[in-house]
Amino acid sequence: MKVIQDLDNPLAEDRRLVIRMYQVEKGIYFPTGVKFAFQYLLLKDNKWIEVARVDNYEHDPRKTGSHVHKLGTSEVEFKEITPEEAEEYIINLAEGVIKKLELGEIGYG
């Protein structure tokens, strides 16, 4: 596995976007040969919590592909998304989740 990108990008004092991409052997889980994760973090009560993440890591042996994790739910949503689309998508999704968190519609931890 070869690192393509490994960034921890501060978006604000209390928000970070972590991007990891690796060149891997092409196969059933990684048909393009790229393994990726885009993780949006929020500083809450002095702890970084994951608000949202999109990745194509192995999740379910019966289903492959990119999928989305969101704070407040244990289920993932399988979604066709490329690394090029993932950054804008995860930022917009996370900001919506944070609004729900601020309104008390979902909890954390």
N, C-alpha and C. Protein backbone atom coordinates (compact mmCIF):
# COMPACT_ATOMS: atom_id res chain seq x y z
N MET A 1 0.86 -1.17 0.00
CA MET A 1 0.00 0.00 0.00
C MET A 1 0.90 1.24 0.00
N LYS A 2 0.59 2.16 -0.91
CA LYS A 2 1.37 3.38 -1.04
C LYS A 2 0.49 4.58 -0.71
N VAL A 3 0.99 5.48 0.11
CA VAL A 3 0.23 6.68 0.49
C VAL A 3 0.17 7.63 -0.69
N ILE A 4 -1.05 8.01 -1.06
CA ILE A 4 -1.27 9.03 -2.09
C ILE A 4 -1.46 10.37 -1.42
N GLN A 5 -2.26 10.38 -0.36
CA GLN A 5 -2.57 11.62 0.36
C GLN A 5 -2.86 11.30 1.82
N ASP A 6 -2.29 12.09 2.72
CA ASP A 6 -2.54 11.95 4.16
C ASP A 6 -2.55 13.35 4.75
N LEU A 7 -3.74 13.94 4.85
CA LEU A 7 -3.88 15.32 5.30
C LEU A 7 -4.78 15.42 6.53
N ASP A 8 -4.43 16.32 7.42
CA ASP A 8 -5.28 16.69 8.54
C ASP A 8 -5.47 18.19 8.40
N ASN A 9 -6.58 18.58 7.79
CA ASN A 9 -6.81 19.95 7.38
C ASN A 9 -7.72 20.68 8.35
N PRO A 10 -7.19 21.66 9.11
CA PRO A 10 -8.07 22.45 9.99
C PRO A 10 -9.00 23.33 9.16
N LEU A 11 -10.30 23.23 9.41
CA LEU A 11 -11.29 24.05 8.71
C LEU A 11 -11.69 25.25 9.56
N ALA A 12 -11.62 25.08 10.86
CA ALA A 12 -11.92 26.13 11.85
C ALA A 12 -11.28 25.67 13.15
N GLU A 13 -11.38 26.49 14.17
CA GLU A 13 -10.78 26.13 15.45
C GLU A 13 -11.33 24.83 16.00
N ASP A 14 -12.59 24.54 15.69
CA ASP A 14 -13.25 23.35 16.24
C ASP A 14 -13.64 22.32 15.17
N ARG A 15 -13.06 22.43 13.97
CA ARG A 15 -13.42 21.52 12.87
C ARG A 15 -12.20 21.13 12.06
N ARG A 16 -12.15 19.84 11.71
CA ARG A 16 -11.04 19.32 10.91
C ARG A 16 -11.58 18.37 9.84
N LEU A 17 -10.87 18.32 8.74
CA LEU A 17 -11.15 17.34 7.69
C LEU A 17 -9.90 16.51 7.50
N VAL A 18 -10.01 15.22 7.76
CA VAL A 18 -8.89 14.30 7.60
C VAL A 18 -9.12 13.52 6.31
N ILE A 19 -8.12 13.56 5.44
CA ILE A 19 -8.21 12.87 4.15
C ILE A 19 -7.07 11.88 4.06
N ARG A 20 -7.43 10.62 3.77
CA ARG A 20 -6.42 9.58 3.57
C ARG A 20 -6.74 8.83 2.29
N MET A 21 -5.74 8.73 1.42
CA MET A 21 -5.90 7.96 0.18
C MET A 21 -4.64 7.12 -0.02
N TYR A 22 -4.88 5.89 -0.44
CA TYR A 22 -3.79 4.94 -0.65
C TYR A 22 -3.94 4.25 -2.00
N GLN A 23 -2.82 4.00 -2.63
CA GLN A 23 -2.81 3.16 -3.83
C GLN A 23 -2.69 1.72 -3.34
N VAL A 24 -3.65 0.90 -3.73
CA VAL A 24 -3.69 -0.50 -3.31
C VAL A 24 -3.85 -1.39 -4.54
N GLU A 25 -3.71 -2.66 -4.33
CA GLU A 25 -3.91 -3.60 -5.43
C GLU A 25 -5.39 -3.58 -5.83
N LYS A 26 -5.63 -3.56 -7.13
CA LYS A 26 -7.01 -3.59 -7.61
C LYS A 26 -7.64 -4.93 -7.24
N GLY A 27 -8.90 -4.89 -6.86
CA GLY A 27 -9.61 -6.10 -6.48
C GLY A 27 -11.08 -5.80 -6.28
N ILE A 28 -11.79 -6.73 -5.69
CA ILE A 28 -13.24 -6.60 -5.51
C ILE A 28 -13.60 -5.37 -4.66
N TYR A 29 -12.83 -5.10 -3.62
CA TYR A 29 -13.13 -3.95 -2.75
C TYR A 29 -12.63 -2.63 -3.32
N PHE A 30 -11.58 -2.71 -4.12
CA PHE A 30 -10.96 -1.49 -4.65
C PHE A 30 -10.71 -1.64 -6.15
N PRO A 31 -11.77 -1.59 -6.96
CA PRO A 31 -11.63 -1.82 -8.40
C PRO A 31 -10.75 -0.79 -9.10
N THR A 32 -10.66 0.43 -8.55
CA THR A 32 -9.82 1.46 -9.16
C THR A 32 -8.40 1.45 -8.61
N GLY A 33 -8.17 0.64 -7.57
CA GLY A 33 -6.85 0.60 -6.95
C GLY A 33 -6.61 1.73 -5.98
N VAL A 34 -7.68 2.40 -5.54
CA VAL A 34 -7.57 3.51 -4.58
C VAL A 34 -8.46 3.22 -3.38
N LYS A 35 -7.86 3.28 -2.20
CA LYS A 35 -8.58 3.14 -0.94
C LYS A 35 -8.61 4.54 -0.32
N PHE A 36 -9.79 5.01 0.12
CA PHE A 36 -9.86 6.38 0.61
C PHE A 36 -10.81 6.52 1.80
N ALA A 37 -10.57 7.59 2.57
CA ALA A 37 -11.46 7.99 3.66
C ALA A 37 -11.39 9.50 3.82
N PHE A 38 -12.56 10.12 3.92
CA PHE A 38 -12.69 11.55 4.19
C PHE A 38 -13.48 11.65 5.49
N GLN A 39 -12.86 12.17 6.53
CA GLN A 39 -13.45 12.16 7.88
C GLN A 39 -13.55 13.60 8.39
N TYR A 40 -14.77 14.00 8.77
CA TYR A 40 -15.02 15.34 9.30
C TYR A 40 -15.14 15.23 10.81
N LEU A 41 -14.31 16.01 11.52
CA LEU A 41 -14.27 15.95 12.99
C LEU A 41 -14.68 17.29 13.59
N LEU A 42 -15.32 17.23 14.75
CA LEU A 42 -15.77 18.40 15.49
C LEU A 42 -15.24 18.31 16.91
N LEU A 43 -14.71 19.42 17.42
CA LEU A 43 -14.24 19.47 18.81
C LEU A 43 -15.43 19.78 19.70
N LYS A 44 -15.77 18.84 20.56
CA LYS A 44 -16.93 18.97 21.44
C LYS A 44 -16.49 18.52 22.83
N ASP A 45 -16.61 19.39 23.82
CA ASP A 45 -16.21 19.07 25.19
C ASP A 45 -14.77 18.56 25.25
N ASN A 46 -13.88 19.25 24.55
CA ASN A 46 -12.45 18.93 24.52
C ASN A 46 -12.12 17.57 23.92
N LYS A 47 -13.05 17.00 23.12
CA LYS A 47 -12.79 15.74 22.44
C LYS A 47 -13.16 15.89 20.97
N TRP A 48 -12.34 15.32 20.10
CA TRP A 48 -12.66 15.31 18.68
C TRP A 48 -13.62 14.17 18.42
N ILE A 49 -14.79 14.50 17.87
CA ILE A 49 -15.77 13.45 17.55
C ILE A 49 -15.96 13.41 16.03
N GLU A 50 -16.20 12.21 15.54
CA GLU A 50 -16.45 12.04 14.11
C GLU A 50 -17.91 12.41 13.82
N VAL A 51 -18.09 13.41 12.98
CA VAL A 51 -19.43 13.85 12.60
C VAL A 51 -19.90 13.06 11.38
N ALA A 52 -19.00 12.88 10.42
CA ALA A 52 -19.34 12.15 9.21
C ALA A 52 -18.06 11.63 8.57
N ARG A 53 -18.21 10.54 7.83
CA ARG A 53 -17.08 9.96 7.11
C ARG A 53 -17.60 9.27 5.86
N VAL A 54 -16.89 9.46 4.78
CA VAL A 54 -17.16 8.68 3.57
C VAL A 54 -15.88 7.92 3.25
N ASP A 55 -16.03 6.64 3.02
CA ASP A 55 -14.87 5.81 2.70
C ASP A 55 -15.27 4.63 1.83
N ASN A 56 -14.27 3.95 1.35
CA ASN A 56 -14.54 2.73 0.59
C ASN A 56 -13.84 1.53 1.23
N TYR A 57 -13.57 1.64 2.53
CA TYR A 57 -12.96 0.54 3.27
C TYR A 57 -13.95 -0.63 3.33
N GLU A 58 -13.44 -1.82 3.52
CA GLU A 58 -14.31 -2.99 3.65
C GLU A 58 -15.25 -2.78 4.82
N HIS A 59 -16.53 -2.93 4.57
CA HIS A 59 -17.52 -2.71 5.63
C HIS A 59 -18.42 -3.93 5.82
N ASP A 60 -18.85 -4.48 4.72
CA ASP A 60 -19.79 -5.59 4.75
C ASP A 60 -19.34 -6.60 3.70
N PRO A 61 -19.11 -7.84 4.10
CA PRO A 61 -18.63 -8.82 3.12
C PRO A 61 -19.61 -9.09 1.98
N ARG A 62 -20.88 -8.71 2.17
CA ARG A 62 -21.88 -8.92 1.12
C ARG A 62 -22.01 -7.74 0.18
N LYS A 63 -21.44 -6.59 0.55
CA LYS A 63 -21.59 -5.40 -0.27
C LYS A 63 -20.29 -4.61 -0.26
N THR A 64 -19.88 -4.14 -1.42
CA THR A 64 -18.63 -3.38 -1.52
C THR A 64 -18.94 -1.99 -2.05
N GLY A 65 -17.98 -1.12 -1.90
CA GLY A 65 -18.10 0.22 -2.47
C GLY A 65 -18.05 1.32 -1.43
N SER A 66 -18.11 2.52 -1.91
CA SER A 66 -18.05 3.67 -1.01
C SER A 66 -19.35 3.78 -0.22
N HIS A 67 -19.21 4.29 0.99
CA HIS A 67 -20.36 4.41 1.87
C HIS A 67 -20.13 5.55 2.86
N VAL A 68 -21.23 5.96 3.49
CA VAL A 68 -21.23 7.14 4.36
C VAL A 68 -21.62 6.74 5.78
N HIS A 69 -20.84 7.24 6.75
CA HIS A 69 -21.13 7.08 8.18
C HIS A 69 -21.52 8.46 8.70
N LYS A 70 -22.58 8.52 9.53
CA LYS A 70 -23.02 9.79 10.11
C LYS A 70 -23.21 9.65 11.61
N LEU A 71 -22.88 10.68 12.34
CA LEU A 71 -23.13 10.74 13.77
C LEU A 71 -24.63 10.60 14.00
N GLY A 72 -24.99 9.82 14.99
CA GLY A 72 -26.40 9.66 15.33
C GLY A 72 -27.03 8.42 14.73
N THR A 73 -26.29 7.68 13.90
CA THR A 73 -26.82 6.45 13.33
C THR A 73 -25.71 5.41 13.21
N SER A 74 -26.05 4.18 13.46
CA SER A 74 -25.05 3.11 13.34
C SER A 74 -25.06 2.51 11.93
N GLU A 75 -26.06 2.83 11.15
CA GLU A 75 -26.16 2.30 9.79
C GLU A 75 -25.32 3.14 8.84
N VAL A 76 -24.84 2.49 7.80
CA VAL A 76 -24.13 3.22 6.75
C VAL A 76 -25.01 3.27 5.51
N GLU A 77 -24.77 4.29 4.71
CA GLU A 77 -25.48 4.44 3.44
C GLU A 77 -24.48 4.20 2.32
N PHE A 78 -24.70 3.17 1.53
CA PHE A 78 -23.83 2.92 0.40
C PHE A 78 -24.15 3.94 -0.68
N LYS A 79 -23.11 4.59 -1.19
CA LYS A 79 -23.28 5.69 -2.14
C LYS A 79 -22.11 5.69 -3.11
N GLU A 80 -22.43 5.71 -4.38
CA GLU A 80 -21.38 5.80 -5.39
C GLU A 80 -20.79 7.21 -5.33
N ILE A 81 -19.55 7.31 -4.92
CA ILE A 81 -18.88 8.60 -4.83
C ILE A 81 -17.40 8.39 -5.06
N THR A 82 -16.80 9.27 -5.82
CA THR A 82 -15.37 9.18 -6.11
C THR A 82 -14.61 10.05 -5.11
N PRO A 83 -13.31 9.83 -4.97
CA PRO A 83 -12.52 10.70 -4.10
C PRO A 83 -12.61 12.17 -4.53
N GLU A 84 -12.74 12.41 -5.81
CA GLU A 84 -12.84 13.79 -6.31
C GLU A 84 -14.12 14.46 -5.83
N GLU A 85 -15.17 13.72 -5.64
CA GLU A 85 -16.45 14.26 -5.19
C GLU A 85 -16.59 14.27 -3.66
N ALA A 86 -15.79 13.48 -3.00
CA ALA A 86 -15.99 13.21 -1.57
C ALA A 86 -15.77 14.41 -0.67
N GLU A 87 -14.79 15.26 -0.97
CA GLU A 87 -14.49 16.37 -0.06
C GLU A 87 -15.66 17.34 0.06
N GLU A 88 -16.18 17.81 -1.06
CA GLU A 88 -17.32 18.73 -1.02
C GLU A 88 -18.54 18.06 -0.38
N TYR A 89 -18.77 16.81 -0.74
CA TYR A 89 -19.93 16.07 -0.21
C TYR A 89 -19.86 15.95 1.32
N ILE A 90 -18.71 15.55 1.85
CA ILE A 90 -18.59 15.31 3.29
C ILE A 90 -18.69 16.62 4.08
N ILE A 91 -18.17 17.70 3.54
CA ILE A 91 -18.27 18.99 4.23
C ILE A 91 -19.73 19.43 4.32
N ASN A 92 -20.45 19.35 3.22
CA ASN A 92 -21.88 19.72 3.23
C ASN A 92 -22.69 18.82 4.16
N LEU A 93 -22.45 17.52 4.09
CA LEU A 93 -23.16 16.57 4.95
C LEU A 93 -22.87 16.86 6.42
N ALA A 94 -21.61 17.03 6.76
CA ALA A 94 -21.23 17.25 8.16
C ALA A 94 -21.82 18.54 8.71
N GLU A 95 -21.84 19.58 7.92
CA GLU A 95 -22.43 20.84 8.40
C GLU A 95 -23.91 20.65 8.72
N GLY A 96 -24.62 19.86 7.93
CA GLY A 96 -26.02 19.56 8.22
C GLY A 96 -26.18 18.75 9.50
N VAL A 97 -25.29 17.80 9.71
CA VAL A 97 -25.32 16.99 10.93
C VAL A 97 -25.02 17.86 12.15
N ILE A 98 -24.08 18.78 12.02
CA ILE A 98 -23.73 19.67 13.13
C ILE A 98 -24.92 20.55 13.49
N LYS A 99 -25.66 21.02 12.51
CA LYS A 99 -26.87 21.82 12.80
C LYS A 99 -27.86 21.00 13.62
N LYS A 100 -28.05 19.73 13.26
CA LYS A 100 -28.95 18.87 14.03
C LYS A 100 -28.43 18.65 15.44
N LEU A 101 -27.13 18.53 15.58
CA LEU A 101 -26.51 18.36 16.89
C LEU A 101 -26.74 19.61 17.74
N GLU A 102 -26.55 20.78 17.15
CA GLU A 102 -26.75 22.04 17.86
C GLU A 102 -28.20 22.26 18.26
N LEU A 103 -29.12 21.75 17.46
CA LEU A 103 -30.56 21.87 17.77
C LEU A 103 -31.04 20.81 18.73
N GLY A 104 -30.16 19.87 19.08
CA GLY A 104 -30.53 18.80 20.00
C GLY A 104 -31.31 17.67 19.36
N GLU A 105 -31.33 17.63 18.02
CA GLU A 105 -32.06 16.59 17.32
C GLU A 105 -31.32 15.25 17.34
N ILE A 106 -30.01 15.32 17.50
CA ILE A 106 -29.20 14.10 17.67
C ILE A 106 -28.21 14.35 18.80
N GLY A 107 -27.72 13.26 19.37
CA GLY A 107 -26.73 13.37 20.43
C GLY A 107 -25.41 12.81 19.96
N TYR A 108 -24.43 12.86 20.83
CA TYR A 108 -23.12 12.29 20.52
C TYR A 108 -22.62 11.55 21.75
N GLY A 109 -21.67 10.67 21.48
CA GLY A 109 -21.02 9.95 22.58
C GLY A 109 -21.79 8.96 23.30
